[in-house]
Amino acid sequence: MIAAFGYWGVHTGAGTASRILLGVGAPFVGFGFWGAVDFRHAGRLAEPLRLIQELVVTSLAAVAWYVAQRPELAIAFAVLSVAYHVLVYATGGRLLDSSEARS
């Protein structure tokens, strides 16, 4: 995801300064959204909310690849993200461990 957001930023900026700013700033914004929400107090909604959050961020990363003219990486990233989340739940796993999701 860092690479997707950074690559998008570097290839979107019009000049050197904006390319550097977007190349460094976009990953910070992406991961800022990732870490800004505390799910521990969401109780039973913690796991579904975390899933939605992860799918939104990984979808944005796939879109970033696509917009930056790398559709093959966009498709690969999207497929890997979906496959990962399907496998997590198919094997009985959770995105949050039980100590993170408190009722």
C-alpha atoms as a PDB file:
ATOM      1  CA  MET A   1       0.000   0.000   0.000  1.00  0.00           C
ATOM      2  CA  ILE A   2       2.835   2.386   0.746  1.00  0.00           C
ATOM      3  CA  ALA A   3       4.235   1.786  -2.730  1.00  0.00           C
ATOM      4  CA  ALA A   4       0.848   2.315  -4.382  1.00  0.00           C
ATOM      5  CA  PHE A   5       0.171   5.612  -2.629  1.00  0.00           C
ATOM      6  CA  GLY A   6       3.740   6.832  -3.085  1.00  0.00           C
ATOM      7  CA  TYR A   7       3.875   5.845  -6.764  1.00  0.00           C
ATOM      8  CA  TRP A   8       0.548   7.580  -7.375  1.00  0.00           C
ATOM      9  CA  GLY A   9       1.818  10.728  -5.671  1.00  0.00           C
ATOM     10  CA  VAL A  10       5.047  10.864  -7.637  1.00  0.00           C
ATOM     11  CA  HIS A  11       3.242  10.328 -10.933  1.00  0.00           C
ATOM     12  CA  THR A  12       0.396  12.734 -10.182  1.00  0.00           C
ATOM     13  CA  GLY A  13       2.355  15.796  -9.143  1.00  0.00           C
ATOM     14  CA  ALA A  14       2.919  18.504 -11.734  1.00  0.00           C
ATOM     15  CA  GLY A  15       6.321  19.681 -10.578  1.00  0.00           C
ATOM     16  CA  THR A  16       9.190  18.333  -8.526  1.00  0.00           C
ATOM     17  CA  ALA A  17       7.973  19.829  -5.251  1.00  0.00           C
ATOM     18  CA  SER A  18       4.415  18.538  -5.665  1.00  0.00           C
ATOM     19  CA  ARG A  19       5.696  15.098  -6.698  1.00  0.00           C
ATOM     20  CA  ILE A  20       7.795  14.877  -3.562  1.00  0.00           C
ATOM     21  CA  LEU A  21       4.993  16.208  -1.370  1.00  0.00           C
ATOM     22  CA  LEU A  22       2.398  13.807  -2.816  1.00  0.00           C
ATOM     23  CA  GLY A  23       4.854  10.911  -2.964  1.00  0.00           C
ATOM     24  CA  VAL A  24       5.569  11.242   0.746  1.00  0.00           C
ATOM     25  CA  GLY A  25       2.228  12.658   1.898  1.00  0.00           C
ATOM     26  CA  ALA A  26      -0.153  10.204   0.247  1.00  0.00           C
ATOM     27  CA  PRO A  27       1.170   7.180   2.167  1.00  0.00           C
ATOM     28  CA  PHE A  28       0.921   9.157   5.422  1.00  0.00           C
ATOM     29  CA  VAL A  29      -2.701  10.035   4.701  1.00  0.00           C
ATOM     30  CA  GLY A  30      -3.521   6.425   3.801  1.00  0.00           C
ATOM     31  CA  PHE A  31      -1.976   5.042   6.938  1.00  0.00           C
ATOM     32  CA  GLY A  32      -3.316   7.932   8.999  1.00  0.00           C
ATOM     33  CA  PHE A  33      -6.816   6.781   8.101  1.00  0.00           C
ATOM     34  CA  TRP A  34      -5.770   3.217   8.909  1.00  0.00           C
ATOM     35  CA  GLY A  35      -4.563   4.087  12.398  1.00  0.00           C
ATOM     36  CA  ALA A  36      -6.968   6.884  13.297  1.00  0.00           C
ATOM     37  CA  VAL A  37      -9.828   4.649  14.369  1.00  0.00           C
ATOM     38  CA  ASP A  38      -9.827   2.770  17.675  1.00  0.00           C
ATOM     39  CA  PHE A  39     -11.954  -0.347  17.307  1.00  0.00           C
ATOM     40  CA  ARG A  40     -11.445  -1.668  20.832  1.00  0.00           C
ATOM     41  CA  HIS A  41     -14.560   0.064  22.116  1.00  0.00           C
ATOM     42  CA  ALA A  42     -16.813  -0.933  19.215  1.00  0.00           C
ATOM     43  CA  GLY A  43     -17.752  -4.270  20.799  1.00  0.00           C
ATOM     44  CA  ARG A  44     -19.356  -6.661  18.345  1.00  0.00           C
ATOM     45  CA  LEU A  45     -18.962  -4.146  15.534  1.00  0.00           C
ATOM     46  CA  ALA A  46     -15.176  -4.039  15.875  1.00  0.00           C
ATOM     47  CA  GLU A  47     -14.466  -6.853  13.420  1.00  0.00           C
ATOM     48  CA  PRO A  48     -16.887  -5.721  10.673  1.00  0.00           C
ATOM     49  CA  LEU A  49     -15.667  -2.133  11.004  1.00  0.00           C
ATOM     50  CA  ARG A  50     -12.053  -3.266  10.711  1.00  0.00           C
ATOM     51  CA  LEU A  51     -12.922  -5.298   7.617  1.00  0.00           C
ATOM     52  CA  ILE A  52     -14.612  -2.290   6.010  1.00  0.00           C
ATOM     53  CA  GLN A  53     -11.651  -0.099   6.870  1.00  0.00           C
ATOM     54  CA  GLU A  54      -9.150  -2.556   5.389  1.00  0.00           C
ATOM     55  CA  LEU A  55     -11.190  -3.009   2.227  1.00  0.00           C
ATOM     56  CA  VAL A  56     -11.529   0.760   1.770  1.00  0.00           C
ATOM     57  CA  VAL A  57      -7.797   1.395   2.207  1.00  0.00           C
ATOM     58  CA  THR A  58      -6.735  -1.511  -0.016  1.00  0.00           C
ATOM     59  CA  SER A  59      -9.291  -0.463  -2.639  1.00  0.00           C
ATOM     60  CA  LEU A  60      -7.867   3.046  -2.616  1.00  0.00           C
ATOM     61  CA  ALA A  61      -4.397   1.581  -3.076  1.00  0.00           C
ATOM     62  CA  ALA A  62      -5.617  -0.446  -6.069  1.00  0.00           C
ATOM     63  CA  VAL A  63      -7.237   2.683  -7.525  1.00  0.00           C
ATOM     64  CA  ALA A  64      -3.965   4.556  -6.977  1.00  0.00           C
ATOM     65  CA  TRP A  65      -2.111   1.947  -9.044  1.00  0.00           C
ATOM     66  CA  TYR A  66      -4.753   2.176 -11.767  1.00  0.00           C
ATOM     67  CA  VAL A  67      -4.775   5.979 -11.907  1.00  0.00           C
ATOM     68  CA  ALA A  68      -0.966   5.960 -12.054  1.00  0.00           C
ATOM     69  CA  GLN A  69      -1.197   3.926 -15.287  1.00  0.00           C
ATOM     70  CA  ARG A  70      -0.333   0.566 -13.677  1.00  0.00           C
ATOM     71  CA  PRO A  71      -3.553  -1.430 -14.215  1.00  0.00           C
ATOM     72  CA  GLU A  72      -1.755  -4.764 -13.894  1.00  0.00           C
ATOM     73  CA  LEU A  73      -0.620  -3.847 -10.382  1.00  0.00           C
ATOM     74  CA  ALA A  74      -4.094  -2.528  -9.548  1.00  0.00           C
ATOM     75  CA  ILE A  75      -5.706  -5.822 -10.513  1.00  0.00           C
ATOM     76  CA  ALA A  76      -3.057  -7.904  -8.760  1.00  0.00           C
ATOM     77  CA  PHE A  77      -3.337  -5.860  -5.573  1.00  0.00           C
ATOM     78  CA  ALA A  78      -7.138  -6.021  -5.553  1.00  0.00           C
ATOM     79  CA  VAL A  79      -7.123  -9.787  -6.115  1.00  0.00           C
ATOM     80  CA  LEU A  80      -4.539 -10.328  -3.377  1.00  0.00           C
ATOM     81  CA  SER A  81      -6.490  -8.176  -0.934  1.00  0.00           C
ATOM     82  CA  VAL A  82      -9.734 -10.048  -1.533  1.00  0.00           C
ATOM     83  CA  ALA A  83      -7.955 -13.419  -1.404  1.00  0.00           C
ATOM     84  CA  TYR A  84      -6.260 -12.501   1.886  1.00  0.00           C
ATOM     85  CA  HIS A  85      -9.514 -11.470   3.536  1.00  0.00           C
ATOM     86  CA  VAL A  86     -11.369 -14.536   2.266  1.00  0.00           C
ATOM     87  CA  LEU A  87      -8.591 -16.786   3.597  1.00  0.00           C
ATOM     88  CA  VAL A  88      -8.560 -15.067   6.983  1.00  0.00           C
ATOM     89  CA  TYR A  89     -12.232 -15.815   7.542  1.00  0.00           C
ATOM     90  CA  ALA A  90     -12.228 -19.193   5.779  1.00  0.00           C
ATOM     91  CA  THR A  91      -9.586 -20.429   8.206  1.00  0.00           C
ATOM     92  CA  GLY A  92     -11.465 -19.132  11.234  1.00  0.00           C
ATOM     93  CA  GLY A  93      -9.200 -16.148  11.735  1.00  0.00           C
ATOM     94  CA  ARG A  94     -10.019 -12.584  12.639  1.00  0.00           C
ATOM     95  CA  LEU A  95      -8.512  -9.244  11.663  1.00  0.00           C
ATOM     96  CA  LEU A  96      -8.523  -8.151  15.313  1.00  0.00           C
ATOM     97  CA  ASP A  97      -7.397 -10.495  18.022  1.00  0.00           C
ATOM     98  CA  SER A  98      -9.772 -11.032  20.909  1.00  0.00           C
ATOM     99  CA  SER A  99      -7.834  -8.728  23.221  1.00  0.00           C
ATOM    100  CA  GLU A 100      -8.275  -5.826  20.754  1.00  0.00           C
ATOM    101  CA  ALA A 101     -12.037  -6.216  20.349  1.00  0.00           C
ATOM    102  CA  ARG A 102     -13.590  -5.684  23.766  1.00  0.00           C
ATOM    103  CA  SER A 103     -17.326  -5.562  24.404  1.00  0.00           C
END
